C-alpha atoms as a PDB file:
ATOM      1  CA  MET A   1    -100.750  43.140   1.100  1.00  0.00           C
ATOM      2  CA  SER A   2    -103.546  44.964   2.679  1.00  0.00           C
ATOM      3  CA  GLU A   3    -103.046  48.559   2.915  1.00  0.00           C
ATOM      4  CA  GLN A   4    -103.327  48.299   6.845  1.00  0.00           C
ATOM      5  CA  TYR A   5    -100.447  46.828   7.758  1.00  0.00           C
ATOM      6  CA  GLN A   6     -97.197  47.389   6.110  1.00  0.00           C
ATOM      7  CA  PRO A   7     -93.199  47.324   7.543  1.00  0.00           C
ATOM      8  CA  SER A   8     -91.512  49.741   8.396  1.00  0.00           C
ATOM      9  CA  LEU A   9     -90.069  52.090   5.835  1.00  0.00           C
ATOM     10  CA  GLU A  10     -87.826  54.256   7.598  1.00  0.00           C
ATOM     11  CA  TYR A  11     -84.801  53.528   4.773  1.00  0.00           C
ATOM     12  CA  LEU A  12     -85.647  55.366   2.154  1.00  0.00           C
ATOM     13  CA  ASN A  13     -88.951  54.493   1.908  1.00  0.00           C
ATOM     14  CA  THR A  14     -88.208  50.622   1.632  1.00  0.00           C
ATOM     15  CA  THR A  15     -87.668  48.005   4.937  1.00  0.00           C
ATOM     16  CA  GLY A  16     -83.972  48.494   4.376  1.00  0.00           C
ATOM     17  CA  TYR A  17     -81.141  46.937   1.878  1.00  0.00           C
ATOM     18  CA  VAL A  18     -77.908  46.557   1.309  1.00  0.00           C
ATOM     19  CA  SER A  19     -77.434  49.248  -1.942  1.00  0.00           C
ATOM     20  CA  ASP A  20     -75.010  47.383  -3.809  1.00  0.00           C
ATOM     21  CA  SER A  21     -76.524  43.685  -2.875  1.00  0.00           C
ATOM     22  CA  ASP A  22     -79.315  42.238  -5.370  1.00  0.00           C
ATOM     23  CA  THR A  23     -79.648  39.505  -3.051  1.00  0.00           C
ATOM     24  CA  SER A  24     -80.457  42.284  -0.206  1.00  0.00           C
ATOM     25  CA  ALA A  25     -83.159  43.978  -2.383  1.00  0.00           C
ATOM     26  CA  THR A  26     -84.848  40.811  -3.093  1.00  0.00           C
ATOM     27  CA  HIS A  27     -85.474  40.242   0.458  1.00  0.00           C
ATOM     28  CA  ALA A  28     -86.489  44.003   1.185  1.00  0.00           C
ATOM     29  CA  GLN A  29     -89.338  42.892  -1.088  1.00  0.00           C
ATOM     30  CA  PHE A  30     -90.133  39.860   0.195  1.00  0.00           C
ATOM     31  CA  GLU A  31     -89.990  41.379   3.825  1.00  0.00           C
ATOM     32  CA  LYS A  32     -92.142  44.162   2.286  1.00  0.00           C
ATOM     33  CA  GLN A  33     -95.124  41.415   0.689  1.00  0.00           C
ATOM     34  CA  ARG A  34     -94.971  39.463   3.812  1.00  0.00           C
ATOM     35  CA  ALA A  35     -95.570  42.139   5.979  1.00  0.00           C
ATOM     36  CA  GLY A  36     -99.249  42.238   6.026  1.00  0.00           C
ATOM     37  CA  LYS A  37     -99.866  38.354   7.014  1.00  0.00           C
ATOM     38  CA  ILE A  38     -96.887  38.530   9.671  1.00  0.00           C
ATOM     39  CA  GLN A  39     -98.910  41.664  11.557  1.00  0.00           C
ATOM     40  CA  THR A  40    -102.198  40.027  11.186  1.00  0.00           C
ATOM     41  CA  LEU A  41    -101.232  37.299  13.212  1.00  0.00           C
ATOM     42  CA  ILE A  42     -99.434  39.351  16.441  1.00  0.00           C
ATOM     43  CA  LEU A  43    -101.856  41.363  16.234  1.00  0.00           C
ATOM     44  CA  GLU A  44    -104.802  38.563  16.652  1.00  0.00           C
ATOM     45  CA  THR A  45    -102.139  36.943  18.878  1.00  0.00           C
ATOM     46  CA  ILE A  46    -102.038  39.900  21.376  1.00  0.00           C
ATOM     47  CA  THR A  47    -105.545  40.171  21.030  1.00  0.00           C
ATOM     48  CA  GLU A  48    -106.155  36.915  22.515  1.00  0.00           C
ATOM     49  CA  PHE A  49    -104.225  38.180  25.564  1.00  0.00           C
ATOM     50  CA  GLY A  50    -107.030  40.836  26.396  1.00  0.00           C
ATOM     51  CA  THR A  51    -106.149  43.338  28.706  1.00  0.00           C
ATOM     52  CA  ASN A  52    -103.283  41.706  30.234  1.00  0.00           C
ATOM     53  CA  GLY A  53    -101.460  42.475  27.101  1.00  0.00           C
ATOM     54  CA  ALA A  54     -98.364  39.892  25.841  1.00  0.00           C
ATOM     55  CA  THR A  55     -94.792  40.303  25.724  1.00  0.00           C
ATOM     56  CA  SER A  56     -92.846  39.837  22.699  1.00  0.00           C
ATOM     57  CA  PRO A  57     -91.759  36.306  24.106  1.00  0.00           C
ATOM     58  CA  GLU A  58     -95.492  35.108  24.391  1.00  0.00           C
ATOM     59  CA  VAL A  59     -96.129  36.131  20.939  1.00  0.00           C
ATOM     60  CA  GLU A  60     -93.636  34.356  19.913  1.00  0.00           C
ATOM     61  CA  GLN A  61     -94.006  31.199  21.739  1.00  0.00           C
ATOM     62  CA  GLU A  62     -97.757  31.016  20.229  1.00  0.00           C
ATOM     63  CA  ILE A  63     -96.910  31.594  16.560  1.00  0.00           C
ATOM     64  CA  GLY A  64     -93.386  29.817  16.266  1.00  0.00           C
ATOM     65  CA  MET A  65     -91.877  33.246  14.973  1.00  0.00           C
ATOM     66  CA  ALA A  66     -88.483  34.995  15.718  1.00  0.00           C
ATOM     67  CA  HIS A  67     -87.710  37.470  18.505  1.00  0.00           C
ATOM     68  CA  GLN A  68     -86.274  39.495  15.679  1.00  0.00           C
ATOM     69  CA  THR A  69     -89.532  39.234  13.619  1.00  0.00           C
ATOM     70  CA  VAL A  70     -91.910  39.431  16.080  1.00  0.00           C
ATOM     71  CA  SER A  71     -90.637  43.006  17.988  1.00  0.00           C
ATOM     72  CA  ALA A  72     -89.768  44.600  14.844  1.00  0.00           C
ATOM     73  CA  ALA A  73     -93.428  44.188  13.940  1.00  0.00           C
ATOM     74  CA  ILE A  74     -94.744  45.060  17.288  1.00  0.00           C
ATOM     75  CA  ARG A  75     -93.029  47.829  17.191  1.00  0.00           C
ATOM     76  CA  ASN A  76     -93.964  49.302  13.533  1.00  0.00           C
ATOM     77  CA  MET A  77     -97.556  48.433  15.283  1.00  0.00           C
ATOM     78  CA  GLU A  78     -96.896  50.823  17.929  1.00  0.00           C
ATOM     79  CA  LEU A  79     -95.975  53.744  15.815  1.00  0.00           C
ATOM     80  CA  ASP A  80     -98.192  53.082  12.863  1.00  0.00           C
ATOM     81  CA  GLY A  81    -100.489  55.780  13.414  1.00  0.00           C
ATOM     82  CA  TYR A  82     -98.938  57.251  16.626  1.00  0.00           C
ATOM     83  CA  GLU A  83     -99.243  60.846  17.099  1.00  0.00           C
ATOM     84  CA  GLN A  84     -98.294  61.928  20.428  1.00  0.00           C
ATOM     85  CA  GLY A  85    -101.089  64.179  22.321  1.00  0.00           C
ATOM     86  CA  VAL A  86    -103.455  62.647  19.577  1.00  0.00           C
ATOM     87  CA  SER A  87    -103.651  59.119  19.102  1.00  0.00           C
ATOM     88  CA  ARG A  88    -102.091  55.776  19.132  1.00  0.00           C
ATOM     89  CA  GLY A  89    -100.677  52.531  17.144  1.00  0.00           C
ATOM     90  CA  LYS A  90    -102.258  49.403  16.372  1.00  0.00           C
ATOM     91  CA  VAL A  91    -100.682  48.158  19.664  1.00  0.00           C
ATOM     92  CA  THR A  92     -99.651  50.122  22.934  1.00  0.00           C
ATOM     93  CA  LYS A  93     -96.995  49.249  25.025  1.00  0.00           C
ATOM     94  CA  LEU A  94     -98.060  48.416  28.999  1.00  0.00           C
ATOM     95  CA  LYS A  95     -96.385  48.866  32.258  1.00  0.00           C
ATOM     96  CA  THR A  96     -96.381  45.630  32.850  1.00  0.00           C
ATOM     97  CA  ILE A  97     -92.909  43.397  32.597  1.00  0.00           C
ATOM     98  CA  ARG A  98     -92.601  39.710  32.387  1.00  0.00           C
ATOM     99  CA  ASN A  99     -89.574  38.143  32.312  1.00  0.00           C
ATOM    100  CA  GLY A 100     -88.369  41.555  31.158  1.00  0.00           C
ATOM    101  CA  CYS A 101     -90.041  42.540  28.705  1.00  0.00           C
ATOM    102  CA  HIS A 102     -93.247  44.944  28.477  1.00  0.00           C
ATOM    103  CA  ALA A 103     -96.363  43.858  27.283  1.00  0.00           C
ATOM    104  CA  TYR A 104     -98.425  45.321  24.847  1.00  0.00           C
ATOM    105  CA  VAL A 105    -102.267  45.570  24.040  1.00  0.00           C
ATOM    106  CA  VAL A 106    -104.397  46.348  21.188  1.00  0.00           C
ATOM    107  CA  THR A 107    -105.144  49.695  20.777  1.00  0.00           C
ATOM    108  CA  SER A 108    -108.815  48.961  21.036  1.00  0.00           C
ATOM    109  CA  LEU A 109    -108.779  47.440  24.491  1.00  0.00           C
ATOM    110  CA  ILE A 110    -106.871  50.450  25.924  1.00  0.00           C
ATOM    111  CA  GLY A 111    -110.410  52.092  27.129  1.00  0.00           C
ATOM    112  CA  PHE A 112    -110.464  48.897  29.703  1.00  0.00           C
ATOM    113  CA  VAL A 113    -106.427  49.569  31.277  1.00  0.00           C
ATOM    114  CA  PRO A 114    -105.711  51.629  33.842  1.00  0.00           C
ATOM    115  CA  ASP A 115    -104.512  54.671  32.604  1.00  0.00           C
ATOM    116  CA  SER A 116    -101.549  54.253  35.135  1.00  0.00           C
ATOM    117  CA  GLN A 117    -100.670  51.214  33.448  1.00  0.00           C
ATOM    118  CA  VAL A 118    -100.350  52.871  29.481  1.00  0.00           C
ATOM    119  CA  MET A 119     -96.867  54.041  28.576  1.00  0.00           C
ATOM    120  CA  GLU A 120     -96.042  56.201  25.709  1.00  0.00           C
ATOM    121  CA  PRO A 121     -94.062  54.570  22.721  1.00  0.00           C
ATOM    122  CA  ASN A 122     -90.035  54.830  22.765  1.00  0.00           C
ATOM    123  CA  ALA A 123     -88.612  57.954  20.923  1.00  0.00           C
ATOM    124  CA  ARG A 124     -87.788  56.722  16.944  1.00  0.00           C
ATOM    125  CA  ARG A 125     -83.972  57.185  16.760  1.00  0.00           C
ATOM    126  CA  ALA A 126     -82.233  58.030  13.379  1.00  0.00           C
ATOM    127  CA  SER A 127     -80.623  55.748  11.565  1.00  0.00           C
ATOM    128  CA  TRP A 128     -76.937  56.727  12.064  1.00  0.00           C
ATOM    129  CA  LYS A 129     -76.301  56.221   8.345  1.00  0.00           C
ATOM    130  CA  LYS A 130     -78.978  59.023   8.070  1.00  0.00           C
ATOM    131  CA  ARG A 131     -77.442  60.846  11.109  1.00  0.00           C
ATOM    132  CA  LEU A 132     -73.781  60.854   9.777  1.00  0.00           C
ATOM    133  CA  SER A 133     -75.192  62.286   6.432  1.00  0.00           C
ATOM    134  CA  GLU A 134     -76.721  64.958   8.674  1.00  0.00           C
ATOM    135  CA  VAL A 135     -73.303  65.640   9.971  1.00  0.00           C
ATOM    136  CA  VAL A 136     -71.677  65.805   6.938  1.00  0.00           C
ATOM    137  CA  ASP A 137     -74.285  68.278   5.461  1.00  0.00           C
ATOM    138  CA  GLU A 138     -73.797  70.512   8.443  1.00  0.00           C
ATOM    139  CA  ILE A 139     -69.773  70.626   8.233  1.00  0.00           C
ATOM    140  CA  GLU A 140     -70.496  71.449   4.724  1.00  0.00           C
ATOM    141  CA  SER A 141     -72.281  73.797   5.100  1.00  0.00           C
ATOM    142  CA  VAL A 142     -70.110  75.950   7.354  1.00  0.00           C
ATOM    143  CA  ILE A 143     -66.569  74.637   6.540  1.00  0.00           C
ATOM    144  CA  ASP A 144     -65.741  78.272   4.181  1.00  0.00           C
ATOM    145  CA  TYR A 145     -67.037  80.470   7.293  1.00  0.00           C
ATOM    146  CA  PRO A 146     -63.920  81.679   8.980  1.00  0.00           C
ATOM    147  CA  GLU A 147     -61.569  79.803  11.489  1.00  0.00           C
ATOM    148  CA  PRO A 148     -62.864  81.134  15.198  1.00  0.00           C
ATOM    149  CA  PHE A 149     -66.659  80.302  14.233  1.00  0.00           C
ATOM    150  CA  LEU A 150     -65.746  77.615  12.302  1.00  0.00           C
ATOM    151  CA  ALA A 151     -63.916  75.595  15.184  1.00  0.00           C
ATOM    152  CA  ASN A 152     -66.487  77.044  18.222  1.00  0.00           C
ATOM    153  CA  HIS A 153     -69.262  75.445  15.515  1.00  0.00           C
ATOM    154  CA  LEU A 154     -67.560  72.271  15.139  1.00  0.00           C
ATOM    155  CA  ARG A 155     -66.406  71.866  18.671  1.00  0.00           C
ATOM    156  CA  GLY A 156     -70.377  72.075  19.563  1.00  0.00           C
ATOM    157  CA  LEU A 157     -71.219  69.461  16.421  1.00  0.00           C
ATOM    158  CA  ILE A 158     -69.065  67.139  18.370  1.00  0.00           C
ATOM    159  CA  ASP A 159     -70.054  67.848  21.749  1.00  0.00           C
ATOM    160  CA  GLU A 160     -73.504  67.056  20.639  1.00  0.00           C
ATOM    161  CA  ILE A 161     -73.194  63.862  18.790  1.00  0.00           C
ATOM    162  CA  ARG A 162     -70.687  62.518  21.632  1.00  0.00           C
ATOM    163  CA  ASN A 163     -73.852  63.237  23.669  1.00  0.00           C
ATOM    164  CA  GLU A 164     -76.372  61.253  21.265  1.00  0.00           C
ATOM    165  CA  LEU A 165     -73.454  58.090  21.930  1.00  0.00           C
END
C-alpha cells in the first residue's frame, strides 16, 4: 500500500473493529490493505471531472463501488493533510451541490476554482465510545469532591452532553 493513501485510523490507530471478534479484526486489516488502491481510483476519477468536481454518487457510478466505501474514502482524503488555514487534504469540498451532494475537486486544481466555491471540511466528530470514555473519566476525577461542587459539576457536564446530542 502506498504511504500516501491510508484509511482513517481514528479508532486507536486502526480502521475500527469489534474488539472481541476475530473476523472483525481481520476485516479491519483487509480494509487497511486495500485503502491505497481504492483512494487512488477515486482520486483519479475525481481528477477526470476537473474543476467541476465530482459528487460521491458520480464517483460510485463511474467505478462501481458502494456508497459507504466511496464516501468514507473521500472524507479521509479531504482530511488527510488538512490543517485549517495552513493546508488542504487531497480533495476539497465545493459549494456546488448536485443531486443533494457536494462536489469534490482534487486539491491540485483548487487554484482554478473561485474562492467563493471552496468549503472547509466538516469538523471531525469524536466517536461516541471516545466521548463516553471522556465523560466517565471526568466523573471519576470529581467523584470524591464535596457534594455541592459535585452536583454543580455534574449538572454542567449533563448540559454539555445534551447540547452535543
